[in-house]
Amino acid sequence: MKIKKFTAKNYKEALELIKKELGDDAVILSSEERKGMPSYVEITAAIDYNNEFIKKDNSQTLSATSTSPKSGNISDSHLAFLYRKNKEIHQRADELKPAYNIRKRFTEQINISDTQEKEDASFDKPLKKDLLNHLRSCSIKEEYALNLCNKANSLDDIIYLVKQQLMIKDSTKTNKVIMLIGPTGVGKTTTLAKLAAKALKEGKKVGIINLDSYRIGACEQIRIYARIMGIPLYIASNQDAIKEGISRFLRNRDIIFIDTMGKNPKDEEYNKFLANICLSNTNIELHLLISANSDSEFMQDTYGFYKKLPISYIAFTKIDEAVRYGSLYNLLMIYRKPVAYLTCGQKVPDDIEFPSLENFSQLIVSKGLKAHAE
């Protein structure tokens, strides 16, 4: 077996290099896009020369009991055969097979070129090109866009596929204690007020605990909301105070909302503090708030800083400020968390939505939707 790493400007150029050097039966083991100036892609591929010899020599055949793969047919059994030869590849089999399958399907129809026009020639039908361009305009990652287009023949098909891949929070299942976390300025306090107002409308008794004594004026903001809505407010400055506040409210409140500090998510000590709170009360439902007007890289970095916490749901704020919504899809495809709600303005309690899968999927691909339909 020969294993080699290839680098190129883009995936299609790399695949052409692999095909030229290793042939059509080469197996893609891993692929990664490297950021930089300029950016490039890195693909690791392999070819089993023993298998190539069997294919070329018509005088040799495989016995019925052979464990080697049949020549010229890269199948799951072939992959298993290769994985047994390399321990590291075997351990990553589940991760690598989808990447291989996606690349393999497109290798046969890709016409390599540095120009965007020939890059799009991987789809021989104008409709496929239109769908791919549309998903790109929505900021959906190239890999996900190609996968969707490969399975779809219309925009309705795309929406259906997206709907099958995403998850929405079941509104009938809510813990008594909900804590909102997220970076500075994401809108935690305003969102908490919206959630508290909704709970009041549903006839629930609400309590609020505030941890945000770090930011100037933060306590006053939540205090005003609590006073207007007639909700008791408990200010906590440490973990023991939080326990006391939760214990006190659980006696006579149906639901408790915890507002947290707007601090840099890179602050490891603060994240440990949040983790200890969750460990002290395993019934806490943790909502990570992320601004929808951020790009994919920022969203992924933000989630990465909080991923050690037991995150229950993701909520997207500032939907009204976002131009494209593909970044939301990219993040959810990576971390596979349900969406709790969307916020779309500063008005309390109005500017919050609890979308259905259908509506959320339509939002993901809504960039240029009218023009495309025409």
Foldseek 3Di string as FASTA:
>chain_A
DDKDKFKDADDLVRLVVCCVPVNLPKFWLDKDWAVDVHTIIMTMIDDDVVLVVQVVDPVDDDDPPDQADHHPDDDPSNQVVVCVVPVVSVVCVVVRVVVRVLSSVQNVQQDDDPDPVSRLSSDVDPQLSLQLVLLVLLVADNSVSSVQSVPDRDVVSSLVVLLVQAAADDPVDDFQAEEEDEAPPLCQLLQVLQVVVVCVVVVWQEAEEEQAPPDPCPVVVNVVSCVVVVHHYQYDPALVSVVVRVVVCVVPGRHYYYYHYNHDLQPVVVLVRVQVSCVVPVRYAYEYEDEQQDHLVVVVVRCVSNVVHPHQEYEYEQPQVHQHRSSVSNVCNVPVHHYHWYAHDNDPNPRIGRDDSSVVSCRNSVRCPVVSVD
